[in-house]
Amino acid sequence: MEKLKLTIVLLFSCMSHYMVAQNALKDKVAVKNHSDKVMMFFGKSDFDSAFQELRKFYPVSELDYQTLKTKSTENLRSATVGFGKITGDVFISEEILKDFAVRRNYLIKLEKILLRFNIVYYNGIDGWIVNSFNWDDNFEVYFEKSN
């Protein structure tokens, strides 16, 4: 009986990972639309919707996803206490590596500070997926690129 339970748990685990990995964007236009939608939610302080949208094409474990979502939401809410409410999002640039990677760069504007957000997409075997997502307050790198 225990062996059967273990087999079922492993089967569902593999199926859920496979199902997440199967969600992919078909082209760079879909990548642009997806990242713009994620960032629009962040720009409206709708963190739950932003992470739900991000998750659709982000094939990480549920534990990693929940950790990212929880810690980011806590830190972003904390930032709004110290630096004022979020007033919007701004697309900054897109960087392309051949036909297999795209990084979309954004800023989130708070009343007293800017935050940098990057979403990196990888064109894998099934299409475009989120490879990484990160944010910080190091928006000064954009000045270096503009010189």
N, C-alpha and C. Protein backbone atom coordinates (compact mmCIF):
# COMPACT_ATOMS: atom_id res chain seq x y z
N MET A 1 0.82 -1.20 0.00
CA MET A 1 0.00 0.00 0.00
C MET A 1 0.86 1.26 0.00
N GLU A 2 1.90 1.27 0.84
CA GLU A 2 2.80 2.43 0.89
C GLU A 2 3.49 2.64 -0.45
N LYS A 3 3.84 1.52 -1.11
CA LYS A 3 4.50 1.62 -2.41
C LYS A 3 3.56 2.25 -3.44
N LEU A 4 2.29 1.90 -3.38
CA LEU A 4 1.29 2.46 -4.28
C LEU A 4 1.13 3.96 -4.03
N LYS A 5 1.06 4.37 -2.76
CA LYS A 5 0.95 5.79 -2.43
C LYS A 5 2.15 6.56 -2.96
N LEU A 6 3.34 6.01 -2.77
CA LEU A 6 4.56 6.66 -3.25
C LEU A 6 4.53 6.78 -4.77
N THR A 7 4.09 5.73 -5.44
CA THR A 7 4.01 5.76 -6.90
C THR A 7 3.04 6.83 -7.37
N ILE A 8 1.88 6.93 -6.72
CA ILE A 8 0.89 7.94 -7.10
C ILE A 8 1.42 9.35 -6.85
N VAL A 9 2.05 9.56 -5.71
CA VAL A 9 2.63 10.87 -5.40
C VAL A 9 3.68 11.23 -6.44
N LEU A 10 4.57 10.31 -6.79
CA LEU A 10 5.60 10.57 -7.79
C LEU A 10 4.98 10.84 -9.16
N LEU A 11 3.95 10.10 -9.51
CA LEU A 11 3.28 10.30 -10.78
C LEU A 11 2.68 11.69 -10.87
N PHE A 12 1.95 12.11 -9.82
CA PHE A 12 1.36 13.45 -9.82
C PHE A 12 2.44 14.53 -9.81
N SER A 13 3.51 14.29 -9.11
CA SER A 13 4.62 15.24 -9.08
C SER A 13 5.20 15.42 -10.47
N CYS A 14 5.44 14.31 -11.15
CA CYS A 14 5.99 14.37 -12.51
C CYS A 14 5.00 15.02 -13.47
N MET A 15 3.71 14.67 -13.33
CA MET A 15 2.70 15.24 -14.21
C MET A 15 2.58 16.74 -14.00
N SER A 16 2.59 17.19 -12.75
CA SER A 16 2.45 18.63 -12.51
C SER A 16 3.66 19.38 -13.04
N HIS A 17 4.86 18.79 -12.89
CA HIS A 17 6.05 19.44 -13.45
C HIS A 17 5.96 19.47 -14.97
N TYR A 18 5.51 18.38 -15.57
CA TYR A 18 5.39 18.30 -17.02
C TYR A 18 4.37 19.31 -17.52
N MET A 19 3.25 19.44 -16.81
CA MET A 19 2.21 20.38 -17.23
C MET A 19 2.71 21.81 -17.15
N VAL A 20 3.45 22.15 -16.10
CA VAL A 20 4.00 23.51 -15.99
C VAL A 20 4.98 23.75 -17.12
N ALA A 21 5.82 22.77 -17.40
CA ALA A 21 6.84 22.92 -18.43
C ALA A 21 6.23 23.04 -19.82
N GLN A 22 5.00 22.54 -20.01
CA GLN A 22 4.37 22.57 -21.32
C GLN A 22 3.80 23.94 -21.66
N ASN A 23 3.55 24.79 -20.68
CA ASN A 23 3.05 26.13 -20.95
C ASN A 23 4.18 26.97 -21.50
N ALA A 24 4.00 27.43 -22.72
CA ALA A 24 5.05 28.23 -23.35
C ALA A 24 4.40 29.27 -24.26
N LEU A 25 5.11 30.37 -24.41
CA LEU A 25 4.68 31.44 -25.31
C LEU A 25 5.18 31.12 -26.71
N LYS A 26 4.42 31.48 -27.74
CA LYS A 26 4.77 31.03 -29.08
C LYS A 26 5.82 31.87 -29.80
N ASP A 27 5.93 33.17 -29.44
CA ASP A 27 6.88 34.01 -30.16
C ASP A 27 7.24 35.24 -29.33
N LYS A 28 8.10 36.12 -29.89
CA LYS A 28 8.57 37.29 -29.15
C LYS A 28 7.46 38.31 -28.91
N VAL A 29 6.46 38.35 -29.76
CA VAL A 29 5.32 39.24 -29.53
C VAL A 29 4.56 38.78 -28.29
N ALA A 30 4.38 37.48 -28.14
CA ALA A 30 3.72 36.94 -26.95
C ALA A 30 4.57 37.18 -25.70
N VAL A 31 5.90 37.11 -25.84
CA VAL A 31 6.81 37.42 -24.72
C VAL A 31 6.60 38.86 -24.28
N LYS A 32 6.57 39.78 -25.24
CA LYS A 32 6.37 41.20 -24.93
C LYS A 32 5.03 41.40 -24.22
N ASN A 33 3.98 40.81 -24.76
CA ASN A 33 2.65 40.97 -24.17
C ASN A 33 2.59 40.39 -22.76
N HIS A 34 3.24 39.25 -22.56
CA HIS A 34 3.24 38.63 -21.24
C HIS A 34 3.98 39.50 -20.23
N SER A 35 5.18 39.94 -20.57
CA SER A 35 5.95 40.75 -19.61
C SER A 35 5.26 42.07 -19.34
N ASP A 36 4.68 42.68 -20.36
CA ASP A 36 3.94 43.93 -20.15
C ASP A 36 2.76 43.73 -19.19
N LYS A 37 2.08 42.59 -19.33
CA LYS A 37 0.94 42.30 -18.45
C LYS A 37 1.39 42.08 -17.01
N VAL A 38 2.47 41.31 -16.84
CA VAL A 38 3.01 41.09 -15.49
C VAL A 38 3.36 42.42 -14.85
N MET A 39 4.05 43.27 -15.59
CA MET A 39 4.51 44.54 -15.03
C MET A 39 3.38 45.53 -14.83
N MET A 40 2.34 45.45 -15.65
CA MET A 40 1.17 46.30 -15.44
C MET A 40 0.54 45.99 -14.09
N PHE A 41 0.47 44.70 -13.74
CA PHE A 41 -0.06 44.32 -12.43
C PHE A 41 0.84 44.83 -11.30
N PHE A 42 2.17 44.69 -11.45
CA PHE A 42 3.06 45.24 -10.43
C PHE A 42 2.88 46.75 -10.32
N GLY A 43 2.74 47.43 -11.45
CA GLY A 43 2.57 48.88 -11.45
C GLY A 43 1.29 49.34 -10.79
N LYS A 44 0.32 48.44 -10.65
CA LYS A 44 -0.94 48.74 -9.97
C LYS A 44 -0.97 48.17 -8.56
N SER A 45 0.17 47.68 -8.08
CA SER A 45 0.29 47.07 -6.74
C SER A 45 -0.55 45.80 -6.60
N ASP A 46 -0.89 45.17 -7.70
CA ASP A 46 -1.66 43.93 -7.69
C ASP A 46 -0.68 42.76 -7.77
N PHE A 47 0.00 42.50 -6.65
CA PHE A 47 1.08 41.51 -6.61
C PHE A 47 0.57 40.10 -6.86
N ASP A 48 -0.58 39.76 -6.33
CA ASP A 48 -1.12 38.41 -6.55
C ASP A 48 -1.35 38.14 -8.03
N SER A 49 -1.96 39.08 -8.73
CA SER A 49 -2.20 38.89 -10.17
C SER A 49 -0.89 38.86 -10.95
N ALA A 50 0.07 39.69 -10.54
CA ALA A 50 1.37 39.70 -11.22
C ALA A 50 2.03 38.33 -11.11
N PHE A 51 2.03 37.77 -9.92
CA PHE A 51 2.68 36.47 -9.74
C PHE A 51 1.88 35.34 -10.39
N GLN A 52 0.56 35.44 -10.40
CA GLN A 52 -0.25 34.43 -11.09
C GLN A 52 0.07 34.44 -12.58
N GLU A 53 0.19 35.61 -13.16
CA GLU A 53 0.51 35.72 -14.59
C GLU A 53 1.93 35.22 -14.86
N LEU A 54 2.87 35.60 -14.02
CA LEU A 54 4.25 35.15 -14.17
C LEU A 54 4.33 33.63 -14.11
N ARG A 55 3.58 33.03 -13.20
CA ARG A 55 3.62 31.58 -12.97
C ARG A 55 3.22 30.77 -14.19
N LYS A 56 2.35 31.31 -15.02
CA LYS A 56 1.85 30.56 -16.18
C LYS A 56 2.98 30.02 -17.06
N PHE A 57 4.08 30.73 -17.12
CA PHE A 57 5.18 30.35 -18.02
C PHE A 57 6.52 30.25 -17.29
N TYR A 58 6.46 30.00 -15.99
CA TYR A 58 7.67 29.95 -15.15
C TYR A 58 7.79 28.55 -14.55
N PRO A 59 8.53 27.64 -15.18
CA PRO A 59 8.56 26.24 -14.76
C PRO A 59 9.52 25.97 -13.60
N VAL A 60 9.26 26.58 -12.47
CA VAL A 60 10.03 26.30 -11.25
C VAL A 60 9.15 25.48 -10.32
N SER A 61 9.76 24.89 -9.34
CA SER A 61 8.98 24.09 -8.39
C SER A 61 7.99 24.99 -7.65
N GLU A 62 6.95 24.38 -7.14
CA GLU A 62 5.94 25.14 -6.39
C GLU A 62 6.57 25.80 -5.17
N LEU A 63 7.49 25.11 -4.52
CA LEU A 63 8.17 25.67 -3.35
C LEU A 63 8.96 26.92 -3.73
N ASP A 64 9.73 26.85 -4.81
CA ASP A 64 10.51 28.01 -5.25
C ASP A 64 9.59 29.17 -5.64
N TYR A 65 8.51 28.85 -6.33
CA TYR A 65 7.56 29.88 -6.73
C TYR A 65 6.93 30.55 -5.50
N GLN A 66 6.46 29.76 -4.55
CA GLN A 66 5.83 30.32 -3.36
C GLN A 66 6.82 31.15 -2.55
N THR A 67 8.06 30.71 -2.47
CA THR A 67 9.08 31.47 -1.76
C THR A 67 9.31 32.82 -2.44
N LEU A 68 9.47 32.81 -3.76
CA LEU A 68 9.66 34.06 -4.51
C LEU A 68 8.47 34.99 -4.32
N LYS A 69 7.27 34.45 -4.46
CA LYS A 69 6.06 35.25 -4.34
C LYS A 69 5.93 35.86 -2.95
N THR A 70 6.11 35.04 -1.92
CA THR A 70 5.94 35.50 -0.54
C THR A 70 6.97 36.55 -0.17
N LYS A 71 8.24 36.27 -0.43
CA LYS A 71 9.30 37.21 -0.05
C LYS A 71 9.21 38.51 -0.85
N SER A 72 8.94 38.40 -2.16
CA SER A 72 8.82 39.61 -2.97
C SER A 72 7.64 40.46 -2.54
N THR A 73 6.50 39.83 -2.30
CA THR A 73 5.32 40.57 -1.87
C THR A 73 5.57 41.28 -0.54
N GLU A 74 6.17 40.55 0.41
CA GLU A 74 6.48 41.17 1.70
C GLU A 74 7.43 42.37 1.53
N ASN A 75 8.48 42.20 0.74
CA ASN A 75 9.46 43.27 0.55
C ASN A 75 8.88 44.45 -0.22
N LEU A 76 8.05 44.18 -1.23
CA LEU A 76 7.44 45.28 -1.98
C LEU A 76 6.45 46.05 -1.10
N ARG A 77 5.69 45.35 -0.29
CA ARG A 77 4.76 46.04 0.62
C ARG A 77 5.54 46.87 1.64
N SER A 78 6.65 46.33 2.11
CA SER A 78 7.51 47.06 3.05
C SER A 78 8.08 48.31 2.38
N ALA A 79 8.47 48.18 1.12
CA ALA A 79 9.01 49.34 0.39
C ALA A 79 7.98 50.46 0.28
N THR A 80 6.72 50.09 0.09
CA THR A 80 5.70 51.12 -0.05
C THR A 80 5.46 51.85 1.27
N VAL A 81 5.72 51.20 2.39
CA VAL A 81 5.60 51.86 3.69
C VAL A 81 6.68 52.94 3.81
N GLY A 82 7.90 52.61 3.41
CA GLY A 82 9.00 53.55 3.55
C GLY A 82 9.13 54.56 2.42
N PHE A 83 8.73 54.18 1.21
CA PHE A 83 9.00 55.03 0.04
C PHE A 83 7.75 55.48 -0.70
N GLY A 84 6.59 55.25 -0.15
CA GLY A 84 5.36 55.72 -0.77
C GLY A 84 4.75 54.69 -1.71
N LYS A 85 3.55 54.98 -2.15
CA LYS A 85 2.82 54.03 -2.98
C LYS A 85 3.44 53.90 -4.37
N ILE A 86 3.13 52.80 -5.02
CA ILE A 86 3.57 52.57 -6.39
C ILE A 86 2.73 53.45 -7.30
N THR A 87 3.39 54.19 -8.19
CA THR A 87 2.69 55.12 -9.08
C THR A 87 2.68 54.66 -10.53
N GLY A 88 3.33 53.54 -10.84
CA GLY A 88 3.28 53.04 -12.20
C GLY A 88 4.51 52.24 -12.60
N ASP A 89 4.45 51.73 -13.83
CA ASP A 89 5.56 50.96 -14.38
C ASP A 89 6.00 51.59 -15.70
N VAL A 90 7.28 51.41 -16.03
CA VAL A 90 7.83 51.96 -17.26
C VAL A 90 8.70 50.89 -17.92
N PHE A 91 8.44 50.62 -19.20
CA PHE A 91 9.31 49.73 -19.96
C PHE A 91 10.57 50.50 -20.31
N ILE A 92 11.75 49.88 -20.09
CA ILE A 92 13.02 50.55 -20.37
C ILE A 92 13.68 50.02 -21.63
N SER A 93 13.86 48.70 -21.70
CA SER A 93 14.56 48.15 -22.86
C SER A 93 14.33 46.65 -22.97
N GLU A 94 14.73 46.15 -24.13
CA GLU A 94 14.70 44.73 -24.40
C GLU A 94 16.06 44.34 -24.95
N GLU A 95 16.61 43.26 -24.41
CA GLU A 95 17.89 42.76 -24.90
C GLU A 95 17.66 41.35 -25.45
N ILE A 96 18.23 41.08 -26.62
CA ILE A 96 18.00 39.82 -27.31
C ILE A 96 19.33 39.10 -27.52
N LEU A 97 19.37 37.83 -27.16
CA LEU A 97 20.51 36.97 -27.46
C LEU A 97 20.09 35.99 -28.54
N LYS A 98 20.55 36.27 -29.75
CA LYS A 98 20.22 35.41 -30.90
C LYS A 98 18.72 35.12 -30.93
N ASP A 99 18.37 33.86 -31.12
CA ASP A 99 16.96 33.50 -31.18
C ASP A 99 16.53 32.69 -29.96
N PHE A 100 17.33 32.74 -28.88
CA PHE A 100 17.02 31.87 -27.75
C PHE A 100 16.85 32.56 -26.40
N ALA A 101 17.09 33.86 -26.29
CA ALA A 101 16.89 34.52 -24.99
C ALA A 101 16.51 35.99 -25.18
N VAL A 102 15.62 36.44 -24.32
CA VAL A 102 15.18 37.84 -24.31
C VAL A 102 15.10 38.30 -22.86
N ARG A 103 15.67 39.47 -22.59
CA ARG A 103 15.51 40.09 -21.27
C ARG A 103 14.73 41.38 -21.45
N ARG A 104 13.63 41.50 -20.71
CA ARG A 104 12.80 42.70 -20.74
C ARG A 104 13.02 43.44 -19.43
N ASN A 105 13.39 44.71 -19.54
CA ASN A 105 13.78 45.54 -18.39
C ASN A 105 12.74 46.64 -18.15
N TYR A 106 12.35 46.78 -16.89
CA TYR A 106 11.32 47.74 -16.49
C TYR A 106 11.76 48.48 -15.23
N LEU A 107 11.09 49.60 -14.99
CA LEU A 107 11.18 50.28 -13.70
C LEU A 107 9.78 50.37 -13.12
N ILE A 108 9.71 50.19 -11.81
CA ILE A 108 8.47 50.46 -11.07
C ILE A 108 8.73 51.75 -10.29
N LYS A 109 7.83 52.70 -10.46
CA LYS A 109 7.98 53.99 -9.80
C LYS A 109 7.18 54.02 -8.51
N LEU A 110 7.86 54.33 -7.42
CA LEU A 110 7.20 54.63 -6.16
C LEU A 110 7.30 56.14 -5.97
N GLU A 111 6.64 56.68 -4.98
CA GLU A 111 6.67 58.12 -4.78
C GLU A 111 8.07 58.65 -4.51
N LYS A 112 8.95 57.83 -3.89
CA LYS A 112 10.28 58.32 -3.50
C LYS A 112 11.44 57.47 -3.98
N ILE A 113 11.20 56.47 -4.81
CA ILE A 113 12.28 55.58 -5.24
C ILE A 113 11.86 54.85 -6.51
N LEU A 114 12.86 54.37 -7.26
CA LEU A 114 12.63 53.52 -8.43
C LEU A 114 13.13 52.12 -8.13
N LEU A 115 12.43 51.13 -8.64
CA LEU A 115 12.87 49.74 -8.54
C LEU A 115 13.02 49.16 -9.94
N ARG A 116 14.09 48.39 -10.13
CA ARG A 116 14.36 47.76 -11.43
C ARG A 116 13.80 46.34 -11.42
N PHE A 117 13.09 45.97 -12.48
CA PHE A 117 12.56 44.62 -12.65
C PHE A 117 13.07 44.06 -13.97
N ASN A 118 13.50 42.81 -13.96
CA ASN A 118 13.95 42.12 -15.17
C ASN A 118 13.23 40.78 -15.28
N ILE A 119 12.75 40.49 -16.46
CA ILE A 119 12.19 39.16 -16.74
C ILE A 119 12.98 38.62 -17.92
N VAL A 120 13.59 37.44 -17.74
CA VAL A 120 14.37 36.80 -18.80
C VAL A 120 13.58 35.60 -19.31
N TYR A 121 13.44 35.52 -20.62
CA TYR A 121 12.73 34.43 -21.28
C TYR A 121 13.73 33.59 -22.07
N TYR A 122 13.48 32.29 -22.10
CA TYR A 122 14.32 31.36 -22.85
C TYR A 122 13.43 30.63 -23.85
N ASN A 123 13.91 30.54 -25.07
CA ASN A 123 13.18 29.83 -26.12
C ASN A 123 13.60 28.36 -26.09
N GLY A 124 12.90 27.59 -25.27
CA GLY A 124 13.20 26.18 -25.11
C GLY A 124 12.54 25.32 -26.17
N ILE A 125 12.55 24.05 -25.94
CA ILE A 125 12.04 23.10 -26.92
C ILE A 125 10.56 23.29 -27.21
N ASP A 126 9.79 23.74 -26.22
CA ASP A 126 8.34 23.91 -26.39
C ASP A 126 7.93 25.34 -26.69
N GLY A 127 8.88 26.27 -26.68
CA GLY A 127 8.57 27.68 -26.90
C GLY A 127 9.20 28.54 -25.81
N TRP A 128 8.75 29.77 -25.71
CA TRP A 128 9.32 30.74 -24.78
C TRP A 128 8.76 30.55 -23.37
N ILE A 129 9.68 30.44 -22.39
CA ILE A 129 9.30 30.33 -20.98
C ILE A 129 10.09 31.36 -20.18
N VAL A 130 9.61 31.67 -18.99
CA VAL A 130 10.34 32.55 -18.09
C VAL A 130 11.52 31.76 -17.54
N ASN A 131 12.71 32.28 -17.76
CA ASN A 131 13.93 31.66 -17.25
C ASN A 131 14.29 32.22 -15.88
N SER A 132 14.08 33.53 -15.71
CA SER A 132 14.35 34.14 -14.42
C SER A 132 13.57 35.44 -14.28
N PHE A 133 13.35 35.79 -13.04
CA PHE A 133 12.64 37.02 -12.69
C PHE A 133 13.36 37.60 -11.48
N ASN A 134 13.71 38.87 -11.55
CA ASN A 134 14.32 39.49 -10.37
C ASN A 134 14.04 40.98 -10.35
N TRP A 135 14.20 41.54 -9.18
CA TRP A 135 14.02 42.98 -9.01
C TRP A 135 14.93 43.46 -7.90
N ASP A 136 15.32 44.75 -8.00
CA ASP A 136 16.17 45.37 -6.99
C ASP A 136 16.07 46.88 -7.15
N ASP A 137 16.89 47.62 -6.42
CA ASP A 137 16.85 49.08 -6.52
C ASP A 137 18.04 49.63 -7.31
N ASN A 138 18.71 48.80 -8.08
CA ASN A 138 19.91 49.20 -8.82
C ASN A 138 19.57 49.66 -10.25
N PHE A 139 18.77 50.69 -10.36
CA PHE A 139 18.39 51.18 -11.68
C PHE A 139 19.50 52.03 -12.33
N GLU A 140 20.55 52.36 -11.57
CA GLU A 140 21.64 53.19 -12.11
C GLU A 140 22.33 52.54 -13.31
N VAL A 141 22.24 51.21 -13.44
CA VAL A 141 22.88 50.54 -14.58
C VAL A 141 22.33 51.05 -15.90
N TYR A 142 21.13 51.57 -15.92
CA TYR A 142 20.56 52.09 -17.16
C TYR A 142 21.25 53.37 -17.60
N PHE A 143 21.81 54.13 -16.66
CA PHE A 143 22.58 55.32 -17.03
C PHE A 143 23.86 54.91 -17.73
N GLU A 144 24.50 53.85 -17.26
CA GLU A 144 25.73 53.37 -17.88
C GLU A 144 25.50 52.96 -19.31
N LYS A 145 24.36 52.35 -19.61
CA LYS A 145 24.04 51.91 -20.96
C LYS A 145 23.72 53.08 -21.89
N SER A 146 23.24 54.18 -21.34
CA SER A 146 22.83 55.30 -22.18
C SER A 146 24.00 56.21 -22.56
N ASN A 147 25.14 56.04 -21.93
CA ASN A 147 26.31 56.88 -22.24
C ASN A 147 27.10 56.36 -23.41
